[in-house]
């Protein structure tokens, strides 16, 4: 955004447009990654709650129920992390292409 502001002050339309494209691309990345970060956070919270339940319970059957939940949330977290890495790679590629086209 600083680049865009500086370019605008210098009346450099080409630099301004380029900077705006970078800002727009970064904004898209934030919008796409935010729900993934929420999934990761939610899964971590549920996984931790299940772990706490397992620690507090003495009933083996109840512990197994919570262990299943903990493992499921761990998988959900890992899946969302993978999606986030793919999102990051996508936008790294797009930003590189944008820089190279300029």
PDB file of N, CA and C in Angstrom:
ATOM      1  N   UNK A   1       0.825  -1.182   0.000  1.00  0.00           N
ATOM      2  CA  UNK A   1       0.000   0.000   0.000  1.00  0.00           C
ATOM      3  C   UNK A   1       0.877   1.256   0.000  1.00  0.00           C
ATOM      4  N   UNK A   2       2.019   1.143   0.665  1.00  0.00           N
ATOM      5  CA  UNK A   2       2.946   2.276   0.674  1.00  0.00           C
ATOM      6  C   UNK A   2       3.447   2.560  -0.733  1.00  0.00           C
ATOM      7  N   UNK A   3       3.738   1.484  -1.476  1.00  0.00           N
ATOM      8  CA  UNK A   3       4.170   1.660  -2.865  1.00  0.00           C
ATOM      9  C   UNK A   3       3.106   2.392  -3.671  1.00  0.00           C
ATOM     10  N   UNK A   4       1.863   2.017  -3.501  1.00  0.00           N
ATOM     11  CA  UNK A   4       0.768   2.650  -4.238  1.00  0.00           C
ATOM     12  C   UNK A   4       0.664   4.123  -3.863  1.00  0.00           C
ATOM     13  N   UNK A   5       0.759   4.417  -2.584  1.00  0.00           N
ATOM     14  CA  UNK A   5       0.680   5.804  -2.118  1.00  0.00           C
ATOM     15  C   UNK A   5       1.830   6.633  -2.687  1.00  0.00           C
ATOM     16  N   UNK A   6       3.039   6.088  -2.613  1.00  0.00           N
ATOM     17  CA  UNK A   6       4.206   6.810  -3.139  1.00  0.00           C
ATOM     18  C   UNK A   6       4.082   7.036  -4.639  1.00  0.00           C
ATOM     19  N   UNK A   7       3.643   6.012  -5.365  1.00  0.00           N
ATOM     20  CA  UNK A   7       3.494   6.142  -6.816  1.00  0.00           C
ATOM     21  C   UNK A   7       2.436   7.178  -7.163  1.00  0.00           C
ATOM     22  N   UNK A   8       1.377   7.198  -6.395  1.00  0.00           N
ATOM     23  CA  UNK A   8       0.310   8.176  -6.644  1.00  0.00           C
ATOM     24  C   UNK A   8       0.831   9.596  -6.415  1.00  0.00           C
ATOM     25  N   UNK A   9       1.604   9.774  -5.353  1.00  0.00           N
ATOM     26  CA  UNK A   9       2.167  11.092  -5.057  1.00  0.00           C
ATOM     27  C   UNK A   9       3.113  11.556  -6.155  1.00  0.00           C
ATOM     28  N   UNK A  10       3.787  10.602  -6.790  1.00  0.00           N
ATOM     29  CA  UNK A  10       4.719  10.926  -7.876  1.00  0.00           C
ATOM     30  C   UNK A  10       4.040  10.963  -9.248  1.00  0.00           C
ATOM     31  N   UNK A  11       2.732  10.744  -9.252  1.00  0.00           N
ATOM     32  CA  UNK A  11       1.957  10.682 -10.500  1.00  0.00           C
ATOM     33  C   UNK A  11       2.500   9.622 -11.463  1.00  0.00           C
ATOM     34  N   UNK A  12       2.978   8.526 -10.899  1.00  0.00           N
ATOM     35  CA  UNK A  12       3.496   7.415 -11.701  1.00  0.00           C
ATOM     36  C   UNK A  12       2.385   6.374 -11.826  1.00  0.00           C
ATOM     37  N   UNK A  13       1.594   6.518 -12.883  1.00  0.00           N
ATOM     38  CA  UNK A  13       0.432   5.650 -13.062  1.00  0.00           C
ATOM     39  C   UNK A  13       0.807   4.180 -13.210  1.00  0.00           C
ATOM     40  N   UNK A  14       1.869   3.891 -13.925  1.00  0.00           N
ATOM     41  CA  UNK A  14       2.284   2.493 -14.124  1.00  0.00           C
ATOM     42  C   UNK A  14       2.665   1.854 -12.788  1.00  0.00           C
ATOM     43  N   UNK A  15       3.456   2.555 -11.996  1.00  0.00           N
ATOM     44  CA  UNK A  15       3.865   2.027 -10.690  1.00  0.00           C
ATOM     45  C   UNK A  15       2.666   1.908  -9.753  1.00  0.00           C
ATOM     46  N   UNK A  16       1.758   2.884  -9.848  1.00  0.00           N
ATOM     47  CA  UNK A  16       0.555   2.847  -9.019  1.00  0.00           C
ATOM     48  C   UNK A  16      -0.297   1.628  -9.371  1.00  0.00           C
ATOM     49  N   UNK A  17      -0.524   1.392 -10.652  1.00  0.00           N
ATOM     50  CA  UNK A  17      -1.340   0.255 -11.078  1.00  0.00           C
ATOM     51  C   UNK A  17      -0.703  -1.072 -10.664  1.00  0.00           C
ATOM     52  N   UNK A  18       0.618  -1.161 -10.808  1.00  0.00           N
ATOM     53  CA  UNK A  18       1.329  -2.368 -10.404  1.00  0.00           C
ATOM     54  C   UNK A  18       1.179  -2.601  -8.900  1.00  0.00           C
ATOM     55  N   UNK A  19       1.372  -1.560  -8.123  1.00  0.00           N
ATOM     56  CA  UNK A  19       1.243  -1.671  -6.665  1.00  0.00           C
ATOM     57  C   UNK A  19      -0.180  -2.052  -6.279  1.00  0.00           C
ATOM     58  N   UNK A  20      -1.157  -1.489  -6.960  1.00  0.00           N
ATOM     59  CA  UNK A  20      -2.555  -1.827  -6.687  1.00  0.00           C
ATOM     60  C   UNK A  20      -2.842  -3.294  -7.004  1.00  0.00           C
ATOM     61  N   UNK A  21      -2.249  -3.803  -8.060  1.00  0.00           N
ATOM     62  CA  UNK A  21      -2.439  -5.215  -8.408  1.00  0.00           C
ATOM     63  C   UNK A  21      -1.858  -6.112  -7.316  1.00  0.00           C
ATOM     64  N   UNK A  22      -0.720  -5.718  -6.771  1.00  0.00           N
ATOM     65  CA  UNK A  22      -0.122  -6.495  -5.685  1.00  0.00           C
ATOM     66  C   UNK A  22      -1.004  -6.458  -4.434  1.00  0.00           C
ATOM     67  N   UNK A  23      -1.539  -5.284  -4.133  1.00  0.00           N
ATOM     68  CA  UNK A  23      -2.428  -5.150  -2.974  1.00  0.00           C
ATOM     69  C   UNK A  23      -3.676  -6.004  -3.170  1.00  0.00           C
ATOM     70  N   UNK A  24      -4.244  -5.978  -4.365  1.00  0.00           N
ATOM     71  CA  UNK A  24      -5.445  -6.768  -4.643  1.00  0.00           C
ATOM     72  C   UNK A  24      -5.163  -8.258  -4.525  1.00  0.00           C
ATOM     73  N   UNK A  25      -4.024  -8.686  -5.017  1.00  0.00           N
ATOM     74  CA  UNK A  25      -3.652 -10.097  -4.931  1.00  0.00           C
ATOM     75  C   UNK A  25      -3.465 -10.517  -3.478  1.00  0.00           C
ATOM     76  N   UNK A  26      -2.808  -9.681  -2.703  1.00  0.00           N
ATOM     77  CA  UNK A  26      -2.609  -9.976  -1.290  1.00  0.00           C
ATOM     78  C   UNK A  26      -3.943 -10.016  -0.545  1.00  0.00           C
ATOM     79  N   UNK A  27      -4.845  -9.106  -0.882  1.00  0.00           N
ATOM     80  CA  UNK A  27      -6.169  -9.087  -0.262  1.00  0.00           C
ATOM     81  C   UNK A  27      -6.936 -10.370  -0.582  1.00  0.00           C
ATOM     82  N   UNK A  28      -6.850 -10.822  -1.821  1.00  0.00           N
ATOM     83  CA  UNK A  28      -7.502 -12.080  -2.201  1.00  0.00           C
ATOM     84  C   UNK A  28      -6.927 -13.240  -1.400  1.00  0.00           C
ATOM     85  N   UNK A  29      -5.608 -13.233  -1.216  1.00  0.00           N
ATOM     86  CA  UNK A  29      -4.976 -14.297  -0.439  1.00  0.00           C
ATOM     87  C   UNK A  29      -5.489 -14.277   1.003  1.00  0.00           C
ATOM     88  N   UNK A  30      -5.575 -13.106   1.584  1.00  0.00           N
ATOM     89  CA  UNK A  30      -6.089 -13.005   2.956  1.00  0.00           C
ATOM     90  C   UNK A  30      -7.518 -13.510   3.045  1.00  0.00           C
ATOM     91  N   UNK A  31      -8.341 -13.130   2.078  1.00  0.00           N
ATOM     92  CA  UNK A  31      -9.737 -13.566   2.077  1.00  0.00           C
ATOM     93  C   UNK A  31      -9.867 -15.070   1.907  1.00  0.00           C
ATOM     94  N   UNK A  32      -8.990 -15.663   1.120  1.00  0.00           N
ATOM     95  CA  UNK A  32      -9.038 -17.105   0.898  1.00  0.00           C
ATOM     96  C   UNK A  32      -8.446 -17.882   2.078  1.00  0.00           C
ATOM     97  N   UNK A  33      -7.420 -17.343   2.687  1.00  0.00           N
ATOM     98  CA  UNK A  33      -6.762 -18.071   3.775  1.00  0.00           C
ATOM     99  C   UNK A  33      -7.472 -17.901   5.121  1.00  0.00           C
ATOM    100  N   UNK A  34      -8.217 -16.842   5.309  1.00  0.00           N
ATOM    101  CA  UNK A  34      -8.856 -16.600   6.603  1.00  0.00           C
ATOM    102  C   UNK A  34      -9.770 -17.756   7.045  1.00  0.00           C
ATOM    103  N   UNK A  35     -10.652 -18.271   6.172  1.00  0.00           N
ATOM    104  CA  UNK A  35     -11.481 -19.401   6.618  1.00  0.00           C
ATOM    105  C   UNK A  35     -10.653 -20.643   6.945  1.00  0.00           C
ATOM    106  N   UNK A  36      -9.537 -20.820   6.265  1.00  0.00           N
ATOM    107  CA  UNK A  36      -8.666 -21.963   6.552  1.00  0.00           C
ATOM    108  C   UNK A  36      -8.023 -21.807   7.931  1.00  0.00           C
ATOM    109  N   UNK A  37      -7.601 -20.594   8.242  1.00  0.00           N
ATOM    110  CA  UNK A  37      -7.030 -20.331   9.568  1.00  0.00           C
ATOM    111  C   UNK A  37      -8.076 -20.555  10.657  1.00  0.00           C
ATOM    112  N   UNK A  38      -9.312 -20.193  10.371  1.00  0.00           N
ATOM    113  CA  UNK A  38     -10.402 -20.435  11.329  1.00  0.00           C
ATOM    114  C   UNK A  38     -10.609 -21.933  11.525  1.00  0.00           C
ATOM    115  N   UNK A  39     -10.589 -22.702  10.432  1.00  0.00           N
ATOM    116  CA  UNK A  39     -10.721 -24.166  10.542  1.00  0.00           C
ATOM    117  C   UNK A  39      -9.613 -24.740  11.419  1.00  0.00           C
ATOM    118  N   UNK A  40      -8.394 -24.268  11.199  1.00  0.00           N
ATOM    119  CA  UNK A  40      -7.256 -24.763  11.981  1.00  0.00           C
ATOM    120  C   UNK A  40      -7.440 -24.425  13.456  1.00  0.00           C
ATOM    121  N   UNK A  41      -7.812 -23.195  13.727  1.00  0.00           N
ATOM    122  CA  UNK A  41      -8.011 -22.756  15.107  1.00  0.00           C
ATOM    123  C   UNK A  41      -9.132 -23.538  15.784  1.00  0.00           C
ATOM    124  N   UNK A  42     -10.241 -23.714  15.080  1.00  0.00           N
ATOM    125  CA  UNK A  42     -11.370 -24.464  15.648  1.00  0.00           C
ATOM    126  C   UNK A  42     -10.981 -25.907  15.936  1.00  0.00           C
ATOM    127  N   UNK A  43     -10.272 -26.532  14.993  1.00  0.00           N
ATOM    128  CA  UNK A  43      -9.851 -27.918  15.188  1.00  0.00           C
ATOM    129  C   UNK A  43      -8.888 -28.032  16.363  1.00  0.00           C
ATOM    130  N   UNK A  44      -7.981 -27.071  16.483  1.00  0.00           N
ATOM    131  CA  UNK A  44      -7.033 -27.098  17.602  1.00  0.00           C
ATOM    132  C   UNK A  44      -7.768 -26.978  18.939  1.00  0.00           C
ATOM    133  N   UNK A  45      -8.772 -26.110  18.977  1.00  0.00           N
ATOM    134  CA  UNK A  45      -9.546 -25.924  20.203  1.00  0.00           C
ATOM    135  C   UNK A  45     -10.287 -27.206  20.573  1.00  0.00           C
ATOM    136  N   UNK A  46     -10.956 -27.815  19.585  1.00  0.00           N
ATOM    137  CA  UNK A  46     -11.708 -29.048  19.845  1.00  0.00           C
ATOM    138  C   UNK A  46     -10.776 -30.198  20.211  1.00  0.00           C
ATOM    139  N   UNK A  47      -9.629 -30.265  19.553  1.00  0.00           N
ATOM    140  CA  UNK A  47      -8.648 -31.299  19.860  1.00  0.00           C
ATOM    141  C   UNK A  47      -8.159 -31.152  21.304  1.00  0.00           C
ATOM    142  N   UNK A  48      -7.876 -29.928  21.707  1.00  0.00           N
ATOM    143  CA  UNK A  48      -7.422 -29.676  23.077  1.00  0.00           C
ATOM    144  C   UNK A  48      -8.496 -29.989  24.109  1.00  0.00           C
ATOM    145  N   UNK A  49      -9.742 -29.647  23.793  1.00  0.00           N
ATOM    146  CA  UNK A  49     -10.838 -29.953  24.718  1.00  0.00           C
ATOM    147  C   UNK A  49     -10.978 -31.469  24.885  1.00  0.00           C
ATOM    148  N   UNK A  50     -10.877 -32.192  23.778  1.00  0.00           N
ATOM    149  CA  UNK A  50     -10.981 -33.647  23.844  1.00  0.00           C
ATOM    150  C   UNK A  50      -9.830 -34.225  24.663  1.00  0.00           C
ATOM    151  N   UNK A  51      -8.626 -33.694  24.463  1.00  0.00           N
ATOM    152  CA  UNK A  51      -7.464 -34.164  25.224  1.00  0.00           C
ATOM    153  C   UNK A  51      -7.677 -33.921  26.728  1.00  0.00           C
ATOM    154  N   UNK A  52      -8.232 -32.763  27.054  1.00  0.00           N
ATOM    155  CA  UNK A  52      -8.511 -32.460  28.458  1.00  0.00           C
ATOM    156  C   UNK A  52      -9.536 -33.427  29.040  1.00  0.00           C
ATOM    157  N   UNK A  53     -10.552 -33.763  28.262  1.00  0.00           N
ATOM    158  CA  UNK A  53     -11.578 -34.710  28.714  1.00  0.00           C
ATOM    159  C   UNK A  53     -10.951 -36.074  28.979  1.00  0.00           C
ATOM    160  N   UNK A  54     -10.093 -36.511  28.068  1.00  0.00           N
ATOM    161  CA  UNK A  54      -9.447 -37.815  28.227  1.00  0.00           C
ATOM    162  C   UNK A  54      -8.639 -37.847  29.520  1.00  0.00           C
ATOM    163  N   UNK A  55      -7.943 -36.776  29.788  1.00  0.00           N
ATOM    164  CA  UNK A  55      -7.116 -36.691  30.994  1.00  0.00           C
ATOM    165  C   UNK A  55      -7.969 -36.729  32.254  1.00  0.00           C
ATOM    166  N   UNK A  56      -9.155 -36.109  32.199  1.00  0.00           N
ATOM    167  CA  UNK A  56     -10.006 -35.983  33.379  1.00  0.00           C
ATOM    168  C   UNK A  56     -10.877 -37.217  33.629  1.00  0.00           C
ATOM    169  N   UNK A  57     -11.118 -38.016  32.597  1.00  0.00           N
ATOM    170  CA  UNK A  57     -12.041 -39.145  32.731  1.00  0.00           C
ATOM    171  C   UNK A  57     -11.335 -40.422  33.151  1.00  0.00           C
ATOM    172  N   UNK A  58     -12.081 -41.244  33.864  1.00  0.00           N
ATOM    173  CA  UNK A  58     -11.560 -42.557  34.245  1.00  0.00           C
ATOM    174  C   UNK A  58     -12.288 -43.669  33.491  1.00  0.00           C
ATOM    175  N   UNK A  59     -13.478 -43.395  32.963  1.00  0.00           N
ATOM    176  CA  UNK A  59     -14.280 -44.371  32.229  1.00  0.00           C
ATOM    177  C   UNK A  59     -13.622 -44.649  30.880  1.00  0.00           C
ATOM    178  N   UNK A  60     -13.197 -45.891  30.675  1.00  0.00           N
ATOM    179  CA  UNK A  60     -12.474 -46.257  29.453  1.00  0.00           C
ATOM    180  C   UNK A  60     -13.310 -46.000  28.201  1.00  0.00           C
ATOM    181  N   UNK A  61     -14.576 -46.350  28.242  1.00  0.00           N
ATOM    182  CA  UNK A  61     -15.445 -46.167  27.069  1.00  0.00           C
ATOM    183  C   UNK A  61     -15.597 -44.689  26.730  1.00  0.00           C
ATOM    184  N   UNK A  62     -15.776 -43.883  27.729  1.00  0.00           N
ATOM    185  CA  UNK A  62     -15.901 -42.438  27.522  1.00  0.00           C
ATOM    186  C   UNK A  62     -14.581 -41.860  26.999  1.00  0.00           C
ATOM    187  N   UNK A  63     -13.472 -42.352  27.514  1.00  0.00           N
ATOM    188  CA  UNK A  63     -12.153 -41.909  27.039  1.00  0.00           C
ATOM    189  C   UNK A  63     -11.977 -42.237  25.559  1.00  0.00           C
ATOM    190  N   UNK A  64     -12.430 -43.411  25.146  1.00  0.00           N
ATOM    191  CA  UNK A  64     -12.301 -43.820  23.748  1.00  0.00           C
ATOM    192  C   UNK A  64     -13.123 -42.899  22.842  1.00  0.00           C
ATOM    193  N   UNK A  65     -14.291 -42.507  23.331  1.00  0.00           N
ATOM    194  CA  UNK A  65     -15.130 -41.575  22.564  1.00  0.00           C
ATOM    195  C   UNK A  65     -14.378 -40.268  22.338  1.00  0.00           C
ATOM    196  N   UNK A  66     -13.773 -39.743  23.387  1.00  0.00           N
ATOM    197  CA  UNK A  66     -13.052 -38.479  23.267  1.00  0.00           C
ATOM    198  C   UNK A  66     -11.751 -38.624  22.480  1.00  0.00           C
ATOM    199  N   UNK A  67     -11.134 -39.805  22.547  1.00  0.00           N
ATOM    200  CA  UNK A  67      -9.928 -40.052  21.762  1.00  0.00           C
ATOM    201  C   UNK A  67     -10.265 -40.015  20.270  1.00  0.00           C
ATOM    202  N   UNK A  68     -11.422 -40.579  19.918  1.00  0.00           N
ATOM    203  CA  UNK A  68     -11.879 -40.550  18.523  1.00  0.00           C
ATOM    204  C   UNK A  68     -12.097 -39.112  18.061  1.00  0.00           C
ATOM    205  N   UNK A  69     -12.706 -38.318  18.927  1.00  0.00           N
ATOM    206  CA  UNK A  69     -12.934 -36.897  18.600  1.00  0.00           C
ATOM    207  C   UNK A  69     -11.594 -36.184  18.450  1.00  0.00           C
ATOM    208  N   UNK A  70     -10.676 -36.442  19.370  1.00  0.00           N
ATOM    209  CA  UNK A  70      -9.358 -35.800  19.316  1.00  0.00           C
ATOM    210  C   UNK A  70      -8.637 -36.161  18.011  1.00  0.00           C
ATOM    211  N   UNK A  71      -8.672 -37.425  17.637  1.00  0.00           N
ATOM    212  CA  UNK A  71      -8.011 -37.858  16.404  1.00  0.00           C
ATOM    213  C   UNK A  71      -8.681 -37.255  15.172  1.00  0.00           C
ATOM    214  N   UNK A  72      -9.996 -37.161  15.202  1.00  0.00           N
ATOM    215  CA  UNK A  72     -10.733 -36.564  14.084  1.00  0.00           C
ATOM    216  C   UNK A  72     -10.370 -35.092  13.919  1.00  0.00           C
ATOM    217  N   UNK A  73     -10.284 -34.384  15.016  1.00  0.00           N
ATOM    218  CA  UNK A  73      -9.929 -32.962  14.961  1.00  0.00           C
ATOM    219  C   UNK A  73      -8.474 -32.775  14.544  1.00  0.00           C
ATOM    220  N   UNK A  74      -7.624 -33.690  14.945  1.00  0.00           N
ATOM    221  CA  UNK A  74      -6.235 -33.632  14.518  1.00  0.00           C
ATOM    222  C   UNK A  74      -6.138 -33.788  13.001  1.00  0.00           C
ATOM    223  N   UNK A  75      -6.923 -34.710  12.445  1.00  0.00           N
ATOM    224  CA  UNK A  75      -6.958 -34.880  10.991  1.00  0.00           C
ATOM    225  C   UNK A  75      -7.535 -33.645  10.297  1.00  0.00           C
ATOM    226  N   UNK A  76      -8.577 -33.071  10.872  1.00  0.00           N
ATOM    227  CA  UNK A  76      -9.179 -31.861  10.296  1.00  0.00           C
ATOM    228  C   UNK A  76      -8.165 -30.721  10.288  1.00  0.00           C
ATOM    229  N   UNK A  77      -7.409 -30.614  11.365  1.00  0.00           N
ATOM    230  CA  UNK A  77      -6.371 -29.577  11.466  1.00  0.00           C
ATOM    231  C   UNK A  77      -5.296 -29.801  10.399  1.00  0.00           C
ATOM    232  N   UNK A  78      -4.858 -31.040  10.246  1.00  0.00           N
ATOM    233  CA  UNK A  78      -3.830 -31.358   9.256  1.00  0.00           C
ATOM    234  C   UNK A  78      -4.334 -31.070   7.840  1.00  0.00           C
ATOM    235  N   UNK A  79      -5.598 -31.396   7.572  1.00  0.00           N
ATOM    236  CA  UNK A  79      -6.174 -31.138   6.255  1.00  0.00           C
ATOM    237  C   UNK A  79      -6.236 -29.636   5.978  1.00  0.00           C
ATOM    238  N   UNK A  80      -6.683 -28.867   6.952  1.00  0.00           N
ATOM    239  CA  UNK A  80      -6.768 -27.412   6.780  1.00  0.00           C
ATOM    240  C   UNK A  80      -5.367 -26.806   6.624  1.00  0.00           C
ATOM    241  N   UNK A  81      -4.390 -27.348   7.337  1.00  0.00           N
ATOM    242  CA  UNK A  81      -3.004 -26.880   7.174  1.00  0.00           C
ATOM    243  C   UNK A  81      -2.513 -27.133   5.758  1.00  0.00           C
ATOM    244  N   UNK A  82      -2.852 -28.298   5.212  1.00  0.00           N
ATOM    245  CA  UNK A  82      -2.466 -28.613   3.837  1.00  0.00           C
ATOM    246  C   UNK A  82      -3.130 -27.641   2.860  1.00  0.00           C
ATOM    247  N   UNK A  83      -4.409 -27.372   3.073  1.00  0.00           N
ATOM    248  CA  UNK A  83      -5.118 -26.411   2.223  1.00  0.00           C
ATOM    249  C   UNK A  83      -4.476 -25.031   2.301  1.00  0.00           C
ATOM    250  N   UNK A  84      -4.060 -24.646   3.501  1.00  0.00           N
ATOM    251  CA  UNK A  84      -3.410 -23.345   3.683  1.00  0.00           C
ATOM    252  C   UNK A  84      -2.076 -23.292   2.939  1.00  0.00           C
ATOM    253  N   UNK A  85      -1.325 -24.375   2.988  1.00  0.00           N
ATOM    254  CA  UNK A  85      -0.048 -24.424   2.264  1.00  0.00           C
ATOM    255  C   UNK A  85      -0.281 -24.330   0.762  1.00  0.00           C
ATOM    256  N   UNK A  86      -1.334 -24.985   0.271  1.00  0.00           N
ATOM    257  CA  UNK A  86      -1.660 -24.917  -1.150  1.00  0.00           C
ATOM    258  C   UNK A  86      -2.094 -23.506  -1.541  1.00  0.00           C
ATOM    259  N   UNK A  87      -2.858 -22.862  -0.683  1.00  0.00           N
ATOM    260  CA  UNK A  87      -3.279 -21.481  -0.917  1.00  0.00           C
ATOM    261  C   UNK A  87      -2.050 -20.575  -0.982  1.00  0.00           C
ATOM    262  N   UNK A  88      -1.137 -20.756  -0.051  1.00  0.00           N
ATOM    263  CA  UNK A  88       0.078 -19.953  -0.021  1.00  0.00           C
ATOM    264  C   UNK A  88       0.892 -20.152  -1.301  1.00  0.00           C
ATOM    265  N   UNK A  89       1.045 -21.405  -1.716  1.00  0.00           N
ATOM    266  CA  UNK A  89       1.811 -21.694  -2.933  1.00  0.00           C
ATOM    267  C   UNK A  89       1.151 -21.061  -4.155  1.00  0.00           C
ATOM    268  N   UNK A  90      -0.171 -21.114  -4.192  1.00  0.00           N
ATOM    269  CA  UNK A  90      -0.924 -20.515  -5.304  1.00  0.00           C
ATOM    270  C   UNK A  90      -0.628 -19.022  -5.409  1.00  0.00           C
ATOM    271  N   UNK A  91      -0.675 -18.329  -4.276  1.00  0.00           N
ATOM    272  CA  UNK A  91      -0.475 -16.882  -4.312  1.00  0.00           C
ATOM    273  C   UNK A  91       0.993 -16.505  -4.475  1.00  0.00           C
ATOM    274  N   UNK A  92       1.903 -17.349  -4.023  1.00  0.00           N
ATOM    275  CA  UNK A  92       3.320 -17.092  -4.316  1.00  0.00           C
ATOM    276  C   UNK A  92       3.548 -17.133  -5.821  1.00  0.00           C
ATOM    277  N   UNK A  93       2.944 -18.132  -6.463  1.00  0.00           N
ATOM    278  CA  UNK A  93       3.070 -18.272  -7.917  1.00  0.00           C
ATOM    279  C   UNK A  93       2.440 -17.077  -8.630  1.00  0.00           C
ATOM    280  N   UNK A  94       1.246 -16.684  -8.199  1.00  0.00           N
ATOM    281  CA  UNK A  94       0.570 -15.545  -8.829  1.00  0.00           C
ATOM    282  C   UNK A  94       1.364 -14.246  -8.651  1.00  0.00           C
ATOM    283  N   UNK A  95       1.935 -14.054  -7.469  1.00  0.00           N
ATOM    284  CA  UNK A  95       2.727 -12.842  -7.221  1.00  0.00           C
ATOM    285  C   UNK A  95       3.994 -12.863  -8.072  1.00  0.00           C
ATOM    286  N   UNK A  96       4.621 -14.019  -8.178  1.00  0.00           N
ATOM    287  CA  UNK A  96       5.814 -14.134  -9.018  1.00  0.00           C
ATOM    288  C   UNK A  96       5.468 -13.811 -10.467  1.00  0.00           C
ATOM    289  N   UNK A  97       4.361 -14.352 -10.951  1.00  0.00           N
ATOM    290  CA  UNK A  97       3.927 -14.077 -12.322  1.00  0.00           C
ATOM    291  C   UNK A  97       3.645 -12.588 -12.522  1.00  0.00           C
ATOM    292  N   UNK A  98       3.044 -11.965 -11.527  1.00  0.00           N
ATOM    293  CA  UNK A  98       2.761 -10.530 -11.611  1.00  0.00           C
ATOM    294  C   UNK A  98       4.065  -9.736 -11.678  1.00  0.00           C
ATOM    295  N   UNK A  99       5.023 -10.059 -10.801  1.00  0.00           N
ATOM    296  CA  UNK A  99       6.315  -9.352 -10.821  1.00  0.00           C
ATOM    297  C   UNK A  99       7.025  -9.548 -12.145  1.00  0.00           C
ATOM    298  N   UNK A 100       7.012 -10.774 -12.668  1.00  0.00           N
ATOM    299  CA  UNK A 100       7.703 -11.067 -13.912  1.00  0.00           C
ATOM    300  C   UNK A 100       7.032 -10.402 -15.112  1.00  0.00           C
ATOM    301  N   UNK A 101       5.743 -10.165 -15.018  1.00  0.00           N
ATOM    302  CA  UNK A 101       5.032  -9.526 -16.140  1.00  0.00           C
ATOM    303  C   UNK A 101       5.231  -8.016 -16.144  1.00  0.00           C
ATOM    304  N   UNK A 102       5.742  -7.492 -15.044  1.00  0.00           N
ATOM    305  CA  UNK A 102       5.899  -6.038 -14.932  1.00  0.00           C
ATOM    306  C   UNK A 102       7.198  -5.610 -15.500  1.00  0.00           C
TER     307      UNK A 102
END
